[in-house]
Amino acid sequence: MKYYTTGVTLMPKVIVGSDDLYACALEAVEYLKKKGYEVIVTGALKTGKPEPWPDVAYEVAQAVSRGEVEFGVLVCYTGTGVSIVANKLPGVRAALCNDPETARGARLWNDANILAMSGRLVTNILAREIIDAWLSMKQPDPTERENIEKLKQIDNKHRR
């Protein structure tokens, strides 16, 4: 986990980016803060206006790839575009999760480190449920260790 210090308290750091001011993206920021995370925002969440989704996804994925944050959250209209961009970076495993069970499985079986959501489909309430499911999985399923290692080997094989 990546932490920062505020006096005596250590808080895990996450990054949240969105190409527009979707309700679920705004909710993700506030909900993660309430859960005790230091939240770095980017894209429309930072500028207050629409931003290109490839740029937003790249910035979030860079922070995850470099190990600067514990995990990232990305939102665009479908969630697909930001997932595609994020998965181009080494060590990034972005998963499009528009329901809690998919989020739980992405962490449990795929060791995903970026949660992508659709700004069109995900409501505030659903965003909180998805985040809770994502956070409930602290470690990948040990029976998936071999598959996750294969995934990492493929990633390493194709690093530039």
C-alpha atoms as a PDB file:
ATOM      1  CA  MET A   1       0.000   0.000   0.000  1.00  0.00           C
ATOM      2  CA  LYS A   2       1.070   3.559  -0.689  1.00  0.00           C
ATOM      3  CA  TYR A   3       0.578   5.909   2.235  1.00  0.00           C
ATOM      4  CA  TYR A   4       1.152   9.525   3.084  1.00  0.00           C
ATOM      5  CA  THR A   5       1.562  11.063   6.512  1.00  0.00           C
ATOM      6  CA  THR A   6      -0.633  13.722   8.105  1.00  0.00           C
ATOM      7  CA  GLY A   7       0.940  14.275  11.458  1.00  0.00           C
ATOM      8  CA  VAL A   8       0.579  10.852  13.030  1.00  0.00           C
ATOM      9  CA  THR A   9      -2.000   9.288  10.698  1.00  0.00           C
ATOM     10  CA  LEU A  10      -1.026   7.195   7.701  1.00  0.00           C
ATOM     11  CA  MET A  11      -3.559   7.216   4.873  1.00  0.00           C
ATOM     12  CA  PRO A  12      -3.549   5.064   1.731  1.00  0.00           C
ATOM     13  CA  LYS A  13      -3.328   7.018  -1.505  1.00  0.00           C
ATOM     14  CA  VAL A  14      -5.556   6.461  -4.564  1.00  0.00           C
ATOM     15  CA  ILE A  15      -6.116   8.338  -7.815  1.00  0.00           C
ATOM     16  CA  VAL A  16      -9.508   8.968  -9.408  1.00  0.00           C
ATOM     17  CA  GLY A  17      -9.909  10.288 -12.935  1.00  0.00           C
ATOM     18  CA  SER A  18     -12.881  11.014 -15.147  1.00  0.00           C
ATOM     19  CA  ASP A  19     -13.311  12.600 -18.562  1.00  0.00           C
ATOM     20  CA  ASP A  20     -16.489  14.390 -17.407  1.00  0.00           C
ATOM     21  CA  LEU A  21     -18.246  15.230 -14.153  1.00  0.00           C
ATOM     22  CA  TYR A  22     -20.266  12.018 -13.874  1.00  0.00           C
ATOM     23  CA  ALA A  23     -22.184  11.487 -10.644  1.00  0.00           C
ATOM     24  CA  CYS A  24     -20.435   8.162  -9.980  1.00  0.00           C
ATOM     25  CA  ALA A  25     -16.990   9.760 -10.363  1.00  0.00           C
ATOM     26  CA  LEU A  26     -17.845  12.544  -7.931  1.00  0.00           C
ATOM     27  CA  GLU A  27     -19.313   9.958  -5.550  1.00  0.00           C
ATOM     28  CA  ALA A  28     -16.193   7.781  -5.812  1.00  0.00           C
ATOM     29  CA  VAL A  29     -14.008  10.703  -4.704  1.00  0.00           C
ATOM     30  CA  GLU A  30     -16.169  11.558  -1.705  1.00  0.00           C
ATOM     31  CA  TYR A  31     -16.797   7.954  -0.702  1.00  0.00           C
ATOM     32  CA  LEU A  32     -13.104   7.025  -0.809  1.00  0.00           C
ATOM     33  CA  LYS A  33     -12.282  10.096   1.291  1.00  0.00           C
ATOM     34  CA  LYS A  34     -14.897   9.017   3.848  1.00  0.00           C
ATOM     35  CA  LYS A  35     -13.234   5.601   3.918  1.00  0.00           C
ATOM     36  CA  GLY A  36      -9.929   7.230   4.887  1.00  0.00           C
ATOM     37  CA  TYR A  37      -8.096   7.452   1.565  1.00  0.00           C
ATOM     38  CA  GLU A  38      -6.066  10.370   0.338  1.00  0.00           C
ATOM     39  CA  VAL A  39      -7.660  10.925  -3.058  1.00  0.00           C
ATOM     40  CA  ILE A  40      -5.767  12.501  -5.929  1.00  0.00           C
ATOM     41  CA  VAL A  41      -8.120  13.710  -8.661  1.00  0.00           C
ATOM     42  CA  THR A  42      -7.429  14.238 -12.333  1.00  0.00           C
ATOM     43  CA  GLY A  43      -9.258  15.022 -15.537  1.00  0.00           C
ATOM     44  CA  ALA A  44     -12.644  16.717 -15.237  1.00  0.00           C
ATOM     45  CA  LEU A  45     -12.585  16.132 -11.489  1.00  0.00           C
ATOM     46  CA  LYS A  46      -9.592  18.458 -11.327  1.00  0.00           C
ATOM     47  CA  THR A  47     -10.452  21.011 -14.032  1.00  0.00           C
ATOM     48  CA  GLY A  48     -14.246  21.073 -13.743  1.00  0.00           C
ATOM     49  CA  LYS A  49     -14.671  20.635 -17.500  1.00  0.00           C
ATOM     50  CA  PRO A  50     -14.642  17.702 -19.956  1.00  0.00           C
ATOM     51  CA  GLU A  51     -11.174  16.327 -20.674  1.00  0.00           C
ATOM     52  CA  PRO A  52      -9.966  13.792 -23.278  1.00  0.00           C
ATOM     53  CA  TRP A  53     -10.471  10.281 -21.889  1.00  0.00           C
ATOM     54  CA  PRO A  54      -7.146   8.964 -23.266  1.00  0.00           C
ATOM     55  CA  ASP A  55      -5.249  11.655 -21.338  1.00  0.00           C
ATOM     56  CA  VAL A  56      -7.160  10.995 -18.108  1.00  0.00           C
ATOM     57  CA  ALA A  57      -6.666   7.233 -18.351  1.00  0.00           C
ATOM     58  CA  TYR A  58      -2.974   7.634 -19.112  1.00  0.00           C
ATOM     59  CA  GLU A  59      -2.393   9.848 -16.080  1.00  0.00           C
ATOM     60  CA  VAL A  60      -4.165   7.460 -13.720  1.00  0.00           C
ATOM     61  CA  ALA A  61      -2.420   4.425 -15.223  1.00  0.00           C
ATOM     62  CA  GLN A  62       0.994   6.101 -14.900  1.00  0.00           C
ATOM     63  CA  ALA A  63       0.453   6.649 -11.181  1.00  0.00           C
ATOM     64  CA  VAL A  64      -0.550   2.992 -10.735  1.00  0.00           C
ATOM     65  CA  SER A  65       2.245   1.676 -12.968  1.00  0.00           C
ATOM     66  CA  ARG A  66       4.853   3.676 -11.043  1.00  0.00           C
ATOM     67  CA  GLY A  67       3.517   2.428  -7.693  1.00  0.00           C
ATOM     68  CA  GLU A  68       2.639   5.944  -6.525  1.00  0.00           C
ATOM     69  CA  VAL A  69      -0.857   4.894  -5.394  1.00  0.00           C
ATOM     70  CA  GLU A  70      -2.536   1.812  -3.975  1.00  0.00           C
ATOM     71  CA  PHE A  71      -5.017   1.689  -6.877  1.00  0.00           C
ATOM     72  CA  GLY A  72      -6.855   3.865  -9.374  1.00  0.00           C
ATOM     73  CA  VAL A  73     -10.438   4.558 -10.392  1.00  0.00           C
ATOM     74  CA  LEU A  74     -11.382   5.633 -13.912  1.00  0.00           C
ATOM     75  CA  VAL A  75     -14.694   6.776 -15.360  1.00  0.00           C
ATOM     76  CA  CYS A  76     -15.745   7.586 -18.912  1.00  0.00           C
ATOM     77  CA  TYR A  77     -19.092   7.315 -20.678  1.00  0.00           C
ATOM     78  CA  THR A  78     -18.815   3.533 -21.223  1.00  0.00           C
ATOM     79  CA  GLY A  79     -15.733   2.788 -19.116  1.00  0.00           C
ATOM     80  CA  THR A  80     -14.284   0.904 -22.071  1.00  0.00           C
ATOM     81  CA  GLY A  81     -12.003   3.588 -23.502  1.00  0.00           C
ATOM     82  CA  VAL A  82     -10.272   4.334 -20.238  1.00  0.00           C
ATOM     83  CA  SER A  83      -9.809   0.600 -19.629  1.00  0.00           C
ATOM     84  CA  ILE A  84      -8.159   0.134 -23.019  1.00  0.00           C
ATOM     85  CA  VAL A  85      -5.729   3.012 -22.479  1.00  0.00           C
ATOM     86  CA  ALA A  86      -4.887   2.068 -18.893  1.00  0.00           C
ATOM     87  CA  ASN A  87      -4.086  -1.525 -19.831  1.00  0.00           C
ATOM     88  CA  LYS A  88      -1.379  -0.318 -22.226  1.00  0.00           C
ATOM     89  CA  LEU A  89       0.919   0.559 -19.323  1.00  0.00           C
ATOM     90  CA  PRO A  90       3.192  -2.004 -17.649  1.00  0.00           C
ATOM     91  CA  GLY A  91       1.840  -3.548 -14.497  1.00  0.00           C
ATOM     92  CA  VAL A  92      -1.638  -2.108 -14.922  1.00  0.00           C
ATOM     93  CA  ARG A  93      -4.623  -4.425 -14.698  1.00  0.00           C
ATOM     94  CA  ALA A  94      -7.668  -2.241 -15.304  1.00  0.00           C
ATOM     95  CA  ALA A  95     -11.082  -3.908 -15.069  1.00  0.00           C
ATOM     96  CA  LEU A  96     -14.413  -2.494 -16.238  1.00  0.00           C
ATOM     97  CA  CYS A  97     -16.766  -3.164 -13.334  1.00  0.00           C
ATOM     98  CA  ASN A  98     -20.319  -1.879 -13.504  1.00  0.00           C
ATOM     99  CA  ASP A  99     -21.577  -4.131 -10.711  1.00  0.00           C
ATOM    100  CA  PRO A 100     -20.239  -5.242  -7.325  1.00  0.00           C
ATOM    101  CA  GLU A 101     -19.726  -8.918  -8.197  1.00  0.00           C
ATOM    102  CA  THR A 102     -17.534  -8.053 -11.190  1.00  0.00           C
ATOM    103  CA  ALA A 103     -15.494  -5.686  -8.990  1.00  0.00           C
ATOM    104  CA  ARG A 104     -15.061  -8.373  -6.337  1.00  0.00           C
ATOM    105  CA  GLY A 105     -14.019 -10.935  -8.954  1.00  0.00           C
ATOM    106  CA  ALA A 106     -11.625  -8.532 -10.689  1.00  0.00           C
ATOM    107  CA  ARG A 107      -9.710  -8.112  -7.445  1.00  0.00           C
ATOM    108  CA  LEU A 108     -10.037 -11.727  -6.306  1.00  0.00           C
ATOM    109  CA  TRP A 109      -9.194 -13.577  -9.526  1.00  0.00           C
ATOM    110  CA  ASN A 110      -7.326 -10.984 -11.611  1.00  0.00           C
ATOM    111  CA  ASP A 111      -5.535  -8.842  -8.998  1.00  0.00           C
ATOM    112  CA  ALA A 112      -6.920  -5.758 -10.785  1.00  0.00           C
ATOM    113  CA  ASN A 113      -5.415  -2.445  -9.697  1.00  0.00           C
ATOM    114  CA  ILE A 114      -7.612   0.013 -11.598  1.00  0.00           C
ATOM    115  CA  LEU A 115     -11.378   0.051 -11.247  1.00  0.00           C
ATOM    116  CA  ALA A 116     -13.103   1.416 -14.366  1.00  0.00           C
ATOM    117  CA  MET A 117     -16.782   2.337 -14.374  1.00  0.00           C
ATOM    118  CA  SER A 118     -19.324   3.643 -16.865  1.00  0.00           C
ATOM    119  CA  GLY A 119     -20.492   7.169 -16.146  1.00  0.00           C
ATOM    120  CA  ARG A 120     -23.647   6.355 -18.091  1.00  0.00           C
ATOM    121  CA  LEU A 121     -24.623   3.202 -16.195  1.00  0.00           C
ATOM    122  CA  VAL A 122     -23.314   3.547 -12.649  1.00  0.00           C
ATOM    123  CA  THR A 123     -25.398   5.508 -10.145  1.00  0.00           C
ATOM    124  CA  ASN A 124     -24.122   7.017  -6.881  1.00  0.00           C
ATOM    125  CA  ILE A 125     -25.524   4.131  -4.848  1.00  0.00           C
ATOM    126  CA  LEU A 126     -24.098   1.540  -7.234  1.00  0.00           C
ATOM    127  CA  ALA A 127     -20.703   3.298  -7.203  1.00  0.00           C
ATOM    128  CA  ARG A 128     -20.530   2.895  -3.413  1.00  0.00           C
ATOM    129  CA  GLU A 129     -21.499  -0.782  -3.669  1.00  0.00           C
ATOM    130  CA  ILE A 130     -18.881  -1.377  -6.384  1.00  0.00           C
ATOM    131  CA  ILE A 131     -16.191   0.364  -4.323  1.00  0.00           C
ATOM    132  CA  ASP A 132     -17.138  -1.622  -1.211  1.00  0.00           C
ATOM    133  CA  ALA A 133     -16.881  -4.878  -3.186  1.00  0.00           C
ATOM    134  CA  TRP A 134     -13.517  -3.767  -4.655  1.00  0.00           C
ATOM    135  CA  LEU A 135     -12.153  -2.879  -1.216  1.00  0.00           C
ATOM    136  CA  SER A 136     -13.475  -6.076   0.390  1.00  0.00           C
ATOM    137  CA  MET A 137     -10.893  -8.142  -1.490  1.00  0.00           C
ATOM    138  CA  LYS A 138      -7.598  -7.464   0.252  1.00  0.00           C
ATOM    139  CA  GLN A 139      -5.650 -10.281  -1.428  1.00  0.00           C
ATOM    140  CA  PRO A 140      -6.101 -12.265  -4.636  1.00  0.00           C
ATOM    141  CA  ASP A 141      -7.442 -15.810  -4.373  1.00  0.00           C
ATOM    142  CA  PRO A 142      -4.399 -18.031  -3.663  1.00  0.00           C
ATOM    143  CA  THR A 143      -5.712 -20.601  -6.155  1.00  0.00           C
ATOM    144  CA  GLU A 144      -5.298 -17.948  -8.880  1.00  0.00           C
ATOM    145  CA  ARG A 145      -1.644 -17.237  -8.041  1.00  0.00           C
ATOM    146  CA  GLU A 146      -0.383 -19.195 -11.067  1.00  0.00           C
ATOM    147  CA  ASN A 147      -2.741 -17.431 -13.481  1.00  0.00           C
ATOM    148  CA  ILE A 148      -1.894 -13.994 -12.090  1.00  0.00           C
ATOM    149  CA  GLU A 149       1.816 -14.808 -12.424  1.00  0.00           C
ATOM    150  CA  LYS A 150       1.222 -15.824 -16.066  1.00  0.00           C
ATOM    151  CA  LEU A 151      -0.489 -12.478 -16.614  1.00  0.00           C
ATOM    152  CA  LYS A 152       2.492 -10.653 -15.122  1.00  0.00           C
ATOM    153  CA  GLN A 153       4.897 -12.705 -17.280  1.00  0.00           C
ATOM    154  CA  ILE A 154       2.981 -11.723 -20.410  1.00  0.00           C
ATOM    155  CA  ASP A 155       3.115  -8.090 -19.298  1.00  0.00           C
ATOM    156  CA  ASN A 156       6.872  -8.276 -18.666  1.00  0.00           C
ATOM    157  CA  LYS A 157       7.495 -10.038 -21.975  1.00  0.00           C
ATOM    158  CA  HIS A 158       5.968  -7.167 -23.917  1.00  0.00           C
ATOM    159  CA  ARG A 159       7.364  -4.191 -21.985  1.00  0.00           C
ATOM    160  CA  ARG A 160       9.195  -1.763 -24.200  1.00  0.00           C
END
